[in-house]
Amino acid sequence: MLKILGRASSINVRKVLWLCDELELDFEREDWGEGFASTHSPAFLALNPNAMIPVIEDDGFVLWESNTILRYLCNRYYGSWLYPLAPQERAVVDQWIDWQATELNTSWRYAFMSLVRNSPAHQDPRLLAAACKGWSHTMGILNQQLTKSGRYITGQEFTLADIPIGLAVNRWFETPLDHPDYPAVRRYYELLTHRAGYTRWGRNGTP
């Protein structure tokens, strides 16, 4: 059986859990990190030398990096309806997955650590203001894309790109900062809430 290592409050673990719901995969999950078993233990470091969650074990195959795990599970467990086989269609899905991992993640980091985690190292008012502005900018790019696509990230159909980005949208709305009026992002947020996996692992009160 597929085993997922990582606490369920982690946004990167929740990507994998949501995908398992979409693919109707059975799995076991073990809590690791922040109050649970240490990701710096020799046992965990033998699986992932970066000491980061999630890690999966699938019939003896070990894999880390959340977005790589998403792609692997779709390829292994008949998820082509989420992750298209056609090269150009797949490339667009990958483009937005990678954008979330780079541009969007980078833009939220300081503000999230300051406003949600209350990190003492992230309380500089000027840096916080700049971070909120940068996060709003990247969400504006997302709003433009959703306005153009009309429904989901890449078009009318739900794809693998909507999992990491959908969780990022939840984090945006769950973080206490001024949110510009992005109607397409708000519509997308409500649309995703119709998916059982999103209400379980995304829009569940956890930023």
N, C-alpha and C. Protein backbone atom coordinates (compact mmCIF):
# COMPACT_ATOMS: atom_id res chain seq x y z
N MET A 1 0.84 -1.20 0.00
CA MET A 1 0.00 0.00 0.00
C MET A 1 0.87 1.26 0.00
N LEU A 2 0.41 2.29 -0.64
CA LEU A 2 1.10 3.56 -0.65
C LEU A 2 1.19 4.13 0.76
N LYS A 3 2.39 4.57 1.14
CA LYS A 3 2.59 5.19 2.44
C LYS A 3 3.04 6.63 2.23
N ILE A 4 2.42 7.56 2.96
CA ILE A 4 2.73 8.97 2.88
C ILE A 4 3.29 9.40 4.23
N LEU A 5 4.48 9.94 4.23
CA LEU A 5 5.13 10.40 5.45
C LEU A 5 5.04 11.91 5.53
N GLY A 6 4.40 12.41 6.59
CA GLY A 6 4.26 13.86 6.76
C GLY A 6 2.98 14.21 7.47
N ARG A 7 3.02 15.28 8.24
CA ARG A 7 1.85 15.72 8.99
C ARG A 7 0.81 16.31 8.04
N ALA A 8 -0.47 16.13 8.38
CA ALA A 8 -1.55 16.55 7.50
C ALA A 8 -1.75 18.06 7.47
N SER A 9 -1.10 18.80 8.37
CA SER A 9 -1.21 20.27 8.33
C SER A 9 -0.28 20.90 7.31
N SER A 10 0.67 20.15 6.79
CA SER A 10 1.62 20.67 5.81
C SER A 10 0.95 20.85 4.46
N ILE A 11 1.13 22.03 3.86
CA ILE A 11 0.50 22.30 2.56
C ILE A 11 1.03 21.35 1.49
N ASN A 12 2.30 20.96 1.59
CA ASN A 12 2.86 20.06 0.59
C ASN A 12 2.39 18.62 0.76
N VAL A 13 2.16 18.21 1.98
CA VAL A 13 1.57 16.89 2.22
C VAL A 13 0.12 16.89 1.74
N ARG A 14 -0.58 17.98 1.97
CA ARG A 14 -1.99 18.05 1.58
C ARG A 14 -2.17 17.97 0.07
N LYS A 15 -1.18 18.42 -0.70
CA LYS A 15 -1.24 18.22 -2.15
C LYS A 15 -1.39 16.74 -2.47
N VAL A 16 -0.56 15.93 -1.84
CA VAL A 16 -0.55 14.49 -2.11
C VAL A 16 -1.83 13.84 -1.62
N LEU A 17 -2.30 14.25 -0.46
CA LEU A 17 -3.54 13.69 0.09
C LEU A 17 -4.74 14.02 -0.80
N TRP A 18 -4.79 15.24 -1.29
CA TRP A 18 -5.89 15.63 -2.17
C TRP A 18 -5.84 14.80 -3.46
N LEU A 19 -4.65 14.66 -4.04
CA LEU A 19 -4.55 13.87 -5.26
C LEU A 19 -4.99 12.43 -5.02
N CYS A 20 -4.63 11.87 -3.89
CA CYS A 20 -5.07 10.50 -3.60
C CYS A 20 -6.58 10.40 -3.57
N ASP A 21 -7.25 11.43 -3.06
CA ASP A 21 -8.71 11.45 -3.11
C ASP A 21 -9.20 11.46 -4.55
N GLU A 22 -8.59 12.30 -5.38
CA GLU A 22 -9.03 12.40 -6.78
C GLU A 22 -8.83 11.08 -7.53
N LEU A 23 -7.72 10.40 -7.23
CA LEU A 23 -7.42 9.14 -7.90
C LEU A 23 -8.02 7.93 -7.19
N GLU A 24 -8.69 8.17 -6.06
CA GLU A 24 -9.30 7.11 -5.26
C GLU A 24 -8.26 6.07 -4.84
N LEU A 25 -7.12 6.56 -4.37
CA LEU A 25 -6.03 5.68 -3.94
C LEU A 25 -6.11 5.43 -2.44
N ASP A 26 -5.95 4.19 -2.05
CA ASP A 26 -5.80 3.86 -0.63
C ASP A 26 -4.37 4.18 -0.20
N PHE A 27 -4.22 4.64 1.02
CA PHE A 27 -2.89 4.96 1.51
C PHE A 27 -2.88 4.90 3.03
N GLU A 28 -1.68 4.82 3.57
CA GLU A 28 -1.44 5.00 4.99
C GLU A 28 -0.59 6.25 5.16
N ARG A 29 -0.86 7.00 6.22
CA ARG A 29 -0.07 8.20 6.46
C ARG A 29 0.55 8.14 7.84
N GLU A 30 1.81 8.57 7.94
CA GLU A 30 2.50 8.65 9.22
C GLU A 30 2.86 10.10 9.49
N ASP A 31 2.65 10.56 10.72
CA ASP A 31 2.99 11.92 11.11
C ASP A 31 4.50 12.08 11.28
N TRP A 32 5.04 13.07 10.58
CA TRP A 32 6.46 13.43 10.71
C TRP A 32 6.55 14.94 10.68
N GLY A 33 7.44 15.50 11.51
CA GLY A 33 7.74 16.93 11.45
C GLY A 33 6.91 17.77 12.40
N GLU A 34 7.54 18.79 13.00
CA GLU A 34 6.92 19.80 13.86
C GLU A 34 6.01 19.18 14.93
N GLY A 35 6.64 18.60 15.93
CA GLY A 35 5.89 18.04 17.04
C GLY A 35 5.68 16.54 16.94
N PHE A 36 5.97 15.98 15.77
CA PHE A 36 5.84 14.54 15.59
C PHE A 36 7.25 13.96 15.46
N ALA A 37 7.38 12.81 14.88
CA ALA A 37 8.70 12.20 14.69
C ALA A 37 9.59 13.14 13.88
N SER A 38 10.84 13.25 14.26
CA SER A 38 11.74 14.24 13.67
C SER A 38 12.17 13.86 12.26
N THR A 39 12.08 14.83 11.36
CA THR A 39 12.57 14.62 10.00
C THR A 39 14.09 14.66 9.94
N HIS A 40 14.74 14.99 11.08
CA HIS A 40 16.21 14.98 11.14
C HIS A 40 16.75 13.70 11.76
N SER A 41 15.88 12.75 12.00
CA SER A 41 16.32 11.47 12.54
C SER A 41 17.04 10.68 11.44
N PRO A 42 17.94 9.80 11.82
CA PRO A 42 18.63 8.98 10.81
C PRO A 42 17.67 8.19 9.92
N ALA A 43 16.58 7.72 10.51
CA ALA A 43 15.63 6.92 9.72
C ALA A 43 15.00 7.76 8.62
N PHE A 44 14.63 9.01 8.94
CA PHE A 44 14.01 9.84 7.91
C PHE A 44 15.04 10.34 6.91
N LEU A 45 16.21 10.74 7.40
CA LEU A 45 17.24 11.25 6.50
C LEU A 45 17.70 10.20 5.50
N ALA A 46 17.56 8.93 5.86
CA ALA A 46 17.88 7.87 4.91
C ALA A 46 16.90 7.85 3.75
N LEU A 47 15.69 8.37 3.98
CA LEU A 47 14.68 8.46 2.92
C LEU A 47 14.79 9.76 2.14
N ASN A 48 15.01 10.87 2.86
CA ASN A 48 15.14 12.17 2.22
C ASN A 48 16.22 12.97 2.94
N PRO A 49 17.38 13.12 2.34
CA PRO A 49 18.48 13.84 3.00
C PRO A 49 18.21 15.31 3.22
N ASN A 50 17.14 15.83 2.60
CA ASN A 50 16.76 17.23 2.80
C ASN A 50 15.93 17.45 4.05
N ALA A 51 15.52 16.37 4.71
CA ALA A 51 14.73 16.44 5.95
C ALA A 51 13.40 17.17 5.75
N MET A 52 12.80 16.99 4.58
CA MET A 52 11.56 17.68 4.24
C MET A 52 10.46 16.67 3.97
N ILE A 53 9.23 17.07 4.28
CA ILE A 53 8.06 16.28 3.94
C ILE A 53 7.34 16.93 2.76
N PRO A 54 6.58 16.09 2.02
CA PRO A 54 6.30 14.67 2.18
C PRO A 54 7.36 13.78 1.54
N VAL A 55 7.33 12.54 1.98
CA VAL A 55 8.02 11.43 1.32
C VAL A 55 6.99 10.34 1.12
N ILE A 56 7.05 9.65 0.00
CA ILE A 56 6.18 8.49 -0.19
C ILE A 56 7.02 7.24 -0.34
N GLU A 57 6.42 6.13 0.08
CA GLU A 57 6.96 4.80 -0.18
C GLU A 57 5.87 4.02 -0.90
N ASP A 58 6.19 3.56 -2.08
CA ASP A 58 5.21 2.87 -2.92
C ASP A 58 5.79 1.53 -3.37
N ASP A 59 5.45 0.47 -2.66
CA ASP A 59 6.00 -0.86 -2.96
C ASP A 59 7.52 -0.84 -3.00
N GLY A 60 8.13 -0.18 -2.01
CA GLY A 60 9.57 -0.14 -1.92
C GLY A 60 10.23 1.02 -2.65
N PHE A 61 9.45 1.73 -3.45
CA PHE A 61 9.98 2.89 -4.18
C PHE A 61 9.80 4.13 -3.32
N VAL A 62 10.88 4.86 -3.08
CA VAL A 62 10.87 6.04 -2.23
C VAL A 62 11.02 7.29 -3.10
N LEU A 63 10.20 8.30 -2.80
CA LEU A 63 10.24 9.53 -3.60
C LEU A 63 9.93 10.73 -2.72
N TRP A 64 10.66 11.84 -2.94
CA TRP A 64 10.38 13.10 -2.25
C TRP A 64 10.25 14.21 -3.28
N GLU A 65 9.90 15.39 -2.83
CA GLU A 65 9.51 16.58 -3.61
C GLU A 65 8.03 16.45 -4.01
N SER A 66 7.21 17.30 -3.41
CA SER A 66 5.76 17.13 -3.52
C SER A 66 5.24 17.16 -4.95
N ASN A 67 5.73 18.09 -5.76
CA ASN A 67 5.20 18.16 -7.12
C ASN A 67 5.66 16.99 -7.98
N THR A 68 6.86 16.48 -7.70
CA THR A 68 7.32 15.27 -8.38
C THR A 68 6.45 14.08 -7.98
N ILE A 69 6.08 14.03 -6.71
CA ILE A 69 5.20 12.97 -6.24
C ILE A 69 3.85 13.04 -6.96
N LEU A 70 3.31 14.25 -7.13
CA LEU A 70 2.04 14.39 -7.84
C LEU A 70 2.13 13.81 -9.24
N ARG A 71 3.18 14.18 -9.95
CA ARG A 71 3.35 13.69 -11.32
C ARG A 71 3.51 12.17 -11.35
N TYR A 72 4.30 11.66 -10.43
CA TYR A 72 4.52 10.22 -10.37
C TYR A 72 3.20 9.47 -10.15
N LEU A 73 2.42 9.90 -9.18
CA LEU A 73 1.18 9.20 -8.87
C LEU A 73 0.22 9.23 -10.05
N CYS A 74 0.16 10.35 -10.75
CA CYS A 74 -0.70 10.41 -11.94
C CYS A 74 -0.21 9.45 -13.02
N ASN A 75 1.10 9.39 -13.21
CA ASN A 75 1.65 8.49 -14.23
C ASN A 75 1.46 7.03 -13.85
N ARG A 76 1.59 6.72 -12.57
CA ARG A 76 1.52 5.31 -12.14
C ARG A 76 0.09 4.82 -11.99
N TYR A 77 -0.82 5.70 -11.57
CA TYR A 77 -2.16 5.26 -11.22
C TYR A 77 -3.23 5.86 -12.12
N TYR A 78 -2.95 5.87 -13.41
CA TYR A 78 -3.96 6.17 -14.43
C TYR A 78 -4.59 7.53 -14.25
N GLY A 79 -3.74 8.53 -14.04
CA GLY A 79 -4.24 9.89 -13.84
C GLY A 79 -4.10 10.77 -15.05
N SER A 80 -4.15 10.19 -16.26
CA SER A 80 -3.97 11.02 -17.46
C SER A 80 -5.13 12.00 -17.64
N TRP A 81 -6.25 11.76 -16.98
CA TRP A 81 -7.35 12.73 -17.05
C TRP A 81 -6.99 14.01 -16.29
N LEU A 82 -6.01 13.90 -15.39
CA LEU A 82 -5.51 15.07 -14.67
C LEU A 82 -4.21 15.60 -15.25
N TYR A 83 -3.41 14.71 -15.79
CA TYR A 83 -2.07 15.04 -16.27
C TYR A 83 -1.94 14.51 -17.70
N PRO A 84 -2.34 15.32 -18.68
CA PRO A 84 -2.52 14.84 -20.05
C PRO A 84 -1.25 14.23 -20.64
N LEU A 85 -1.43 13.28 -21.54
CA LEU A 85 -0.31 12.66 -22.23
C LEU A 85 0.18 13.50 -23.39
N ALA A 86 -0.69 14.27 -24.02
CA ALA A 86 -0.29 15.09 -25.16
C ALA A 86 0.75 16.11 -24.72
N PRO A 87 1.88 16.21 -25.41
CA PRO A 87 2.99 17.03 -24.94
C PRO A 87 2.64 18.49 -24.67
N GLN A 88 1.90 19.13 -25.55
CA GLN A 88 1.60 20.54 -25.34
C GLN A 88 0.62 20.75 -24.19
N GLU A 89 -0.37 19.89 -24.08
CA GLU A 89 -1.32 19.99 -22.96
C GLU A 89 -0.60 19.76 -21.64
N ARG A 90 0.27 18.76 -21.60
CA ARG A 90 1.02 18.47 -20.39
C ARG A 90 1.95 19.63 -20.03
N ALA A 91 2.57 20.22 -21.04
CA ALA A 91 3.51 21.31 -20.79
C ALA A 91 2.83 22.50 -20.12
N VAL A 92 1.59 22.79 -20.50
CA VAL A 92 0.87 23.90 -19.88
C VAL A 92 0.56 23.59 -18.42
N VAL A 93 0.17 22.36 -18.14
CA VAL A 93 -0.06 21.94 -16.75
C VAL A 93 1.23 22.09 -15.95
N ASP A 94 2.34 21.60 -16.51
CA ASP A 94 3.63 21.70 -15.82
C ASP A 94 4.04 23.16 -15.61
N GLN A 95 3.76 23.99 -16.60
CA GLN A 95 4.10 25.41 -16.49
C GLN A 95 3.50 26.03 -15.25
N TRP A 96 2.22 25.77 -15.00
CA TRP A 96 1.55 26.38 -13.86
C TRP A 96 1.92 25.71 -12.54
N ILE A 97 2.21 24.40 -12.57
CA ILE A 97 2.71 23.75 -11.36
C ILE A 97 4.05 24.37 -10.96
N ASP A 98 4.92 24.56 -11.93
CA ASP A 98 6.23 25.13 -11.64
C ASP A 98 6.13 26.59 -11.23
N TRP A 99 5.21 27.32 -11.81
CA TRP A 99 4.99 28.72 -11.43
C TRP A 99 4.57 28.81 -9.97
N GLN A 100 3.70 27.90 -9.56
CA GLN A 100 3.28 27.91 -8.15
C GLN A 100 4.46 27.63 -7.23
N ALA A 101 5.33 26.71 -7.64
CA ALA A 101 6.45 26.31 -6.79
C ALA A 101 7.52 27.38 -6.71
N THR A 102 7.60 28.25 -7.72
CA THR A 102 8.66 29.26 -7.75
C THR A 102 8.11 30.65 -7.45
N GLU A 103 7.42 31.24 -8.38
CA GLU A 103 6.96 32.62 -8.24
C GLU A 103 5.97 32.80 -7.10
N LEU A 104 4.95 31.96 -7.06
CA LEU A 104 3.89 32.15 -6.06
C LEU A 104 4.40 31.81 -4.66
N ASN A 105 5.08 30.68 -4.52
CA ASN A 105 5.62 30.32 -3.20
C ASN A 105 6.57 31.39 -2.67
N THR A 106 7.43 31.89 -3.52
CA THR A 106 8.40 32.90 -3.10
C THR A 106 7.69 34.17 -2.63
N SER A 107 6.62 34.53 -3.30
CA SER A 107 5.94 35.79 -2.98
C SER A 107 5.23 35.74 -1.62
N TRP A 108 4.78 34.58 -1.20
CA TRP A 108 4.00 34.53 0.04
C TRP A 108 4.84 34.30 1.29
N ARG A 109 6.08 33.86 1.11
CA ARG A 109 6.83 33.28 2.23
C ARG A 109 6.94 34.22 3.44
N TYR A 110 7.41 35.45 3.22
CA TYR A 110 7.63 36.35 4.35
C TYR A 110 6.31 36.71 5.03
N ALA A 111 5.31 37.05 4.24
CA ALA A 111 4.02 37.45 4.81
C ALA A 111 3.38 36.31 5.59
N PHE A 112 3.46 35.11 5.06
CA PHE A 112 2.87 33.96 5.76
C PHE A 112 3.59 33.69 7.07
N MET A 113 4.91 33.73 7.05
CA MET A 113 5.67 33.50 8.27
C MET A 113 5.39 34.58 9.31
N SER A 114 5.15 35.79 8.86
CA SER A 114 4.87 36.89 9.78
C SER A 114 3.45 36.83 10.34
N LEU A 115 2.47 36.69 9.46
CA LEU A 115 1.07 36.87 9.84
C LEU A 115 0.39 35.60 10.34
N VAL A 116 0.87 34.45 9.91
CA VAL A 116 0.25 33.18 10.33
C VAL A 116 1.12 32.45 11.34
N ARG A 117 2.40 32.32 11.03
CA ARG A 117 3.30 31.61 11.94
C ARG A 117 3.81 32.51 13.08
N ASN A 118 3.63 33.83 12.95
CA ASN A 118 4.10 34.79 13.97
C ASN A 118 5.57 34.62 14.28
N SER A 119 6.35 34.40 13.24
CA SER A 119 7.78 34.20 13.40
C SER A 119 8.46 35.50 13.84
N PRO A 120 9.22 35.48 14.93
CA PRO A 120 9.93 36.69 15.37
C PRO A 120 10.91 37.20 14.33
N ALA A 121 11.40 36.33 13.47
CA ALA A 121 12.37 36.74 12.45
C ALA A 121 11.72 37.38 11.23
N HIS A 122 10.39 37.47 11.23
CA HIS A 122 9.66 38.00 10.06
C HIS A 122 8.68 39.09 10.47
N GLN A 123 9.18 40.07 11.26
CA GLN A 123 8.29 41.11 11.78
C GLN A 123 8.73 42.52 11.38
N ASP A 124 9.58 42.64 10.40
CA ASP A 124 9.98 43.95 9.92
C ASP A 124 8.83 44.57 9.12
N PRO A 125 8.28 45.73 9.55
CA PRO A 125 7.11 46.30 8.87
C PRO A 125 7.34 46.59 7.39
N ARG A 126 8.53 47.05 7.04
CA ARG A 126 8.80 47.37 5.64
C ARG A 126 8.86 46.10 4.79
N LEU A 127 9.51 45.09 5.32
CA LEU A 127 9.59 43.83 4.57
C LEU A 127 8.22 43.16 4.47
N LEU A 128 7.42 43.29 5.53
CA LEU A 128 6.07 42.72 5.50
C LEU A 128 5.21 43.43 4.46
N ALA A 129 5.29 44.75 4.42
CA ALA A 129 4.51 45.51 3.42
C ALA A 129 4.92 45.12 2.01
N ALA A 130 6.23 44.98 1.79
CA ALA A 130 6.71 44.59 0.47
C ALA A 130 6.26 43.18 0.12
N ALA A 131 6.26 42.29 1.11
CA ALA A 131 5.84 40.92 0.87
C ALA A 131 4.36 40.85 0.52
N CYS A 132 3.54 41.58 1.23
CA CYS A 132 2.10 41.60 0.94
C CYS A 132 1.84 42.14 -0.47
N LYS A 133 2.59 43.17 -0.84
CA LYS A 133 2.45 43.73 -2.19
C LYS A 133 2.87 42.71 -3.24
N GLY A 134 3.98 42.02 -3.00
CA GLY A 134 4.43 41.01 -3.95
C GLY A 134 3.48 39.85 -4.07
N TRP A 135 2.91 39.43 -2.94
CA TRP A 135 1.94 38.33 -2.97
C TRP A 135 0.70 38.76 -3.75
N SER A 136 0.25 39.97 -3.53
CA SER A 136 -0.90 40.47 -4.27
C SER A 136 -0.61 40.51 -5.77
N HIS A 137 0.63 40.86 -6.12
CA HIS A 137 1.00 40.91 -7.54
C HIS A 137 0.88 39.53 -8.19
N THR A 138 1.44 38.50 -7.54
CA THR A 138 1.37 37.17 -8.14
C THR A 138 -0.06 36.65 -8.17
N MET A 139 -0.85 36.98 -7.16
CA MET A 139 -2.26 36.58 -7.20
C MET A 139 -3.00 37.32 -8.31
N GLY A 140 -2.54 38.51 -8.63
CA GLY A 140 -3.11 39.23 -9.77
C GLY A 140 -2.83 38.52 -11.08
N ILE A 141 -1.63 37.95 -11.21
CA ILE A 141 -1.32 37.15 -12.39
C ILE A 141 -2.25 35.95 -12.47
N LEU A 142 -2.49 35.31 -11.34
CA LEU A 142 -3.42 34.18 -11.30
C LEU A 142 -4.82 34.63 -11.69
N ASN A 143 -5.25 35.79 -11.20
CA ASN A 143 -6.57 36.31 -11.55
C ASN A 143 -6.69 36.52 -13.06
N GLN A 144 -5.64 37.05 -13.68
CA GLN A 144 -5.65 37.24 -15.13
C GLN A 144 -5.80 35.90 -15.87
N GLN A 145 -5.05 34.90 -15.41
CA GLN A 145 -5.12 33.59 -16.06
C GLN A 145 -6.50 32.97 -15.91
N LEU A 146 -7.08 33.06 -14.73
CA LEU A 146 -8.40 32.47 -14.50
C LEU A 146 -9.48 33.23 -15.27
N THR A 147 -9.30 34.51 -15.43
CA THR A 147 -10.24 35.28 -16.25
C THR A 147 -10.18 34.80 -17.70
N LYS A 148 -8.97 34.53 -18.16
CA LYS A 148 -8.79 34.07 -19.55
C LYS A 148 -9.24 32.62 -19.73
N SER A 149 -8.91 31.76 -18.79
CA SER A 149 -9.23 30.34 -18.94
C SER A 149 -10.71 30.06 -18.72
N GLY A 150 -11.35 30.88 -17.88
CA GLY A 150 -12.79 30.81 -17.71
C GLY A 150 -13.30 29.85 -16.65
N ARG A 151 -12.43 28.96 -16.17
CA ARG A 151 -12.93 27.99 -15.18
C ARG A 151 -11.79 27.52 -14.28
N TYR A 152 -10.98 26.60 -14.77
CA TYR A 152 -9.83 26.12 -14.01
C TYR A 152 -8.55 26.75 -14.55
N ILE A 153 -7.41 26.33 -14.04
CA ILE A 153 -6.16 26.99 -14.38
C ILE A 153 -5.85 26.93 -15.87
N THR A 154 -5.99 25.76 -16.46
CA THR A 154 -5.60 25.63 -17.87
C THR A 154 -6.78 25.63 -18.83
N GLY A 155 -7.99 25.73 -18.31
CA GLY A 155 -9.15 25.74 -19.20
C GLY A 155 -10.40 25.26 -18.49
N GLN A 156 -11.24 24.58 -19.22
CA GLN A 156 -12.53 24.18 -18.69
C GLN A 156 -12.46 22.94 -17.79
N GLU A 157 -11.37 22.17 -17.89
CA GLU A 157 -11.27 20.93 -17.14
C GLU A 157 -10.29 21.06 -15.97
N PHE A 158 -10.62 20.41 -14.87
CA PHE A 158 -9.75 20.31 -13.70
C PHE A 158 -8.52 19.49 -14.08
N THR A 159 -7.33 19.97 -13.72
CA THR A 159 -6.09 19.25 -14.01
C THR A 159 -5.22 19.20 -12.76
N LEU A 160 -4.09 18.55 -12.89
CA LEU A 160 -3.14 18.43 -11.79
C LEU A 160 -2.67 19.80 -11.31
N ALA A 161 -2.59 20.78 -12.19
CA ALA A 161 -2.15 22.13 -11.81
C ALA A 161 -3.06 22.76 -10.77
N ASP A 162 -4.32 22.37 -10.76
CA ASP A 162 -5.27 22.97 -9.83
C ASP A 162 -5.05 22.53 -8.39
N ILE A 163 -4.31 21.46 -8.19
CA ILE A 163 -4.09 20.99 -6.81
C ILE A 163 -3.12 21.90 -6.07
N PRO A 164 -1.89 22.10 -6.52
CA PRO A 164 -1.02 23.03 -5.79
C PRO A 164 -1.53 24.45 -5.80
N ILE A 165 -2.11 24.89 -6.90
CA ILE A 165 -2.59 26.27 -6.96
C ILE A 165 -3.85 26.44 -6.11
N GLY A 166 -4.71 25.45 -6.10
CA GLY A 166 -5.90 25.54 -5.25
C GLY A 166 -5.55 25.65 -3.78
N LEU A 167 -4.55 24.91 -3.34
CA LEU A 167 -4.10 25.03 -1.95
C LEU A 167 -3.48 26.39 -1.68
N ALA A 168 -2.77 26.93 -2.67
CA ALA A 168 -2.20 28.26 -2.52
C ALA A 168 -3.28 29.33 -2.41
N VAL A 169 -4.36 29.15 -3.14
CA VAL A 169 -5.48 30.11 -3.06
C VAL A 169 -6.11 30.05 -1.67
N ASN A 170 -6.26 28.86 -1.13
CA ASN A 170 -6.78 28.75 0.24
C ASN A 170 -5.87 29.47 1.22
N ARG A 171 -4.57 29.30 1.07
CA ARG A 171 -3.62 29.99 1.95
C ARG A 171 -3.76 31.50 1.84
N TRP A 172 -3.97 31.99 0.64
CA TRP A 172 -4.16 33.43 0.41
C TRP A 172 -5.35 33.96 1.20
N PHE A 173 -6.49 33.27 1.08
CA PHE A 173 -7.69 33.75 1.76
C PHE A 173 -7.64 33.53 3.27
N GLU A 174 -6.88 32.55 3.72
CA GLU A 174 -6.80 32.26 5.15
C GLU A 174 -5.76 33.12 5.88
N THR A 175 -4.97 33.88 5.15
CA THR A 175 -3.96 34.73 5.77
C THR A 175 -4.55 36.12 6.00
N PRO A 176 -4.44 36.66 7.21
CA PRO A 176 -5.08 37.94 7.54
C PRO A 176 -4.31 39.15 7.00
N LEU A 177 -4.57 39.47 5.74
CA LEU A 177 -4.01 40.66 5.12
C LEU A 177 -5.07 41.25 4.20
N ASP A 178 -4.83 42.45 3.69
CA ASP A 178 -5.78 43.07 2.77
C ASP A 178 -5.73 42.33 1.44
N HIS A 179 -6.89 41.85 1.01
CA HIS A 179 -6.96 41.11 -0.25
C HIS A 179 -7.57 41.99 -1.33
N PRO A 180 -6.85 42.28 -2.40
CA PRO A 180 -7.45 43.02 -3.52
C PRO A 180 -8.65 42.25 -4.07
N ASP A 181 -9.50 42.96 -4.77
CA ASP A 181 -10.69 42.35 -5.36
C ASP A 181 -10.29 41.61 -6.63
N TYR A 182 -10.14 40.32 -6.51
CA TYR A 182 -9.81 39.46 -7.65
C TYR A 182 -10.99 38.52 -7.87
N PRO A 183 -11.96 38.93 -8.66
CA PRO A 183 -13.19 38.14 -8.79
C PRO A 183 -12.97 36.75 -9.38
N ALA A 184 -12.04 36.61 -10.29
CA ALA A 184 -11.81 35.29 -10.88
C ALA A 184 -11.20 34.34 -9.87
N VAL A 185 -10.34 34.85 -8.99
CA VAL A 185 -9.76 34.01 -7.95
C VAL A 185 -10.84 33.59 -6.96
N ARG A 186 -11.71 34.51 -6.59
CA ARG A 186 -12.80 34.18 -5.67
C ARG A 186 -13.74 33.16 -6.29
N ARG A 187 -14.07 33.31 -7.56
CA ARG A 187 -14.94 32.34 -8.23
C ARG A 187 -14.29 30.97 -8.26
N TYR A 188 -13.00 30.94 -8.53
CA TYR A 188 -12.24 29.69 -8.57
C TYR A 188 -12.25 29.02 -7.20
N TYR A 189 -12.08 29.79 -6.16
CA TYR A 189 -12.10 29.28 -4.79
C TYR A 189 -13.43 28.59 -4.49
N GLU A 190 -14.50 29.23 -4.89
CA GLU A 190 -15.82 28.63 -4.66
C GLU A 190 -16.03 27.39 -5.53
N LEU A 191 -15.53 27.42 -6.75
CA LEU A 191 -15.66 26.28 -7.65
C LEU A 191 -14.94 25.06 -7.09
N LEU A 192 -13.73 25.26 -6.60
CA LEU A 192 -12.96 24.13 -6.06
C LEU A 192 -13.64 23.51 -4.84
N THR A 193 -14.40 24.32 -4.11
CA THR A 193 -15.03 23.83 -2.89
C THR A 193 -16.07 22.76 -3.18
N HIS A 194 -16.49 22.63 -4.43
CA HIS A 194 -17.42 21.56 -4.80
C HIS A 194 -16.72 20.21 -4.88
N ARG A 195 -15.40 20.19 -4.84
CA ARG A 195 -14.66 18.94 -4.89
C ARG A 195 -14.41 18.45 -3.47
N ALA A 196 -14.78 17.21 -3.20
CA ALA A 196 -14.68 16.68 -1.84
C ALA A 196 -13.25 16.72 -1.33
N GLY A 197 -12.28 16.43 -2.19
CA GLY A 197 -10.89 16.44 -1.77
C GLY A 197 -10.41 17.81 -1.34
N TYR A 198 -10.98 18.84 -1.96
CA TYR A 198 -10.57 20.20 -1.59
C TYR A 198 -11.13 20.60 -0.24
N THR A 199 -12.37 20.25 0.02
CA THR A 199 -12.94 20.59 1.33
C THR A 199 -12.28 19.79 2.44
N ARG A 200 -11.75 18.61 2.11
CA ARG A 200 -11.09 17.79 3.12
C ARG A 200 -9.66 18.26 3.39
N TRP A 201 -8.90 18.57 2.33
CA TRP A 201 -7.48 18.86 2.49
C TRP A 201 -7.10 20.29 2.15
N GLY A 202 -8.02 21.04 1.54
CA GLY A 202 -7.72 22.40 1.16
C GLY A 202 -8.47 23.41 1.99
N ARG A 203 -9.71 23.64 1.65
CA ARG A 203 -10.50 24.64 2.34
C ARG A 203 -11.10 24.03 3.61
N ASN A 204 -10.24 23.82 4.58
CA ASN A 204 -10.65 23.15 5.81
C ASN A 204 -10.25 23.94 7.04
N GLY A 205 -9.97 25.22 6.85
CA GLY A 205 -9.58 26.06 7.98
C GLY A 205 -8.09 26.09 8.25
N THR A 206 -7.32 25.34 7.49
CA THR A 206 -5.86 25.32 7.66
C THR A 206 -5.21 26.11 6.54
N PRO A 207 -4.44 27.14 6.86
CA PRO A 207 -3.84 27.97 5.80
C PRO A 207 -2.70 27.25 5.08
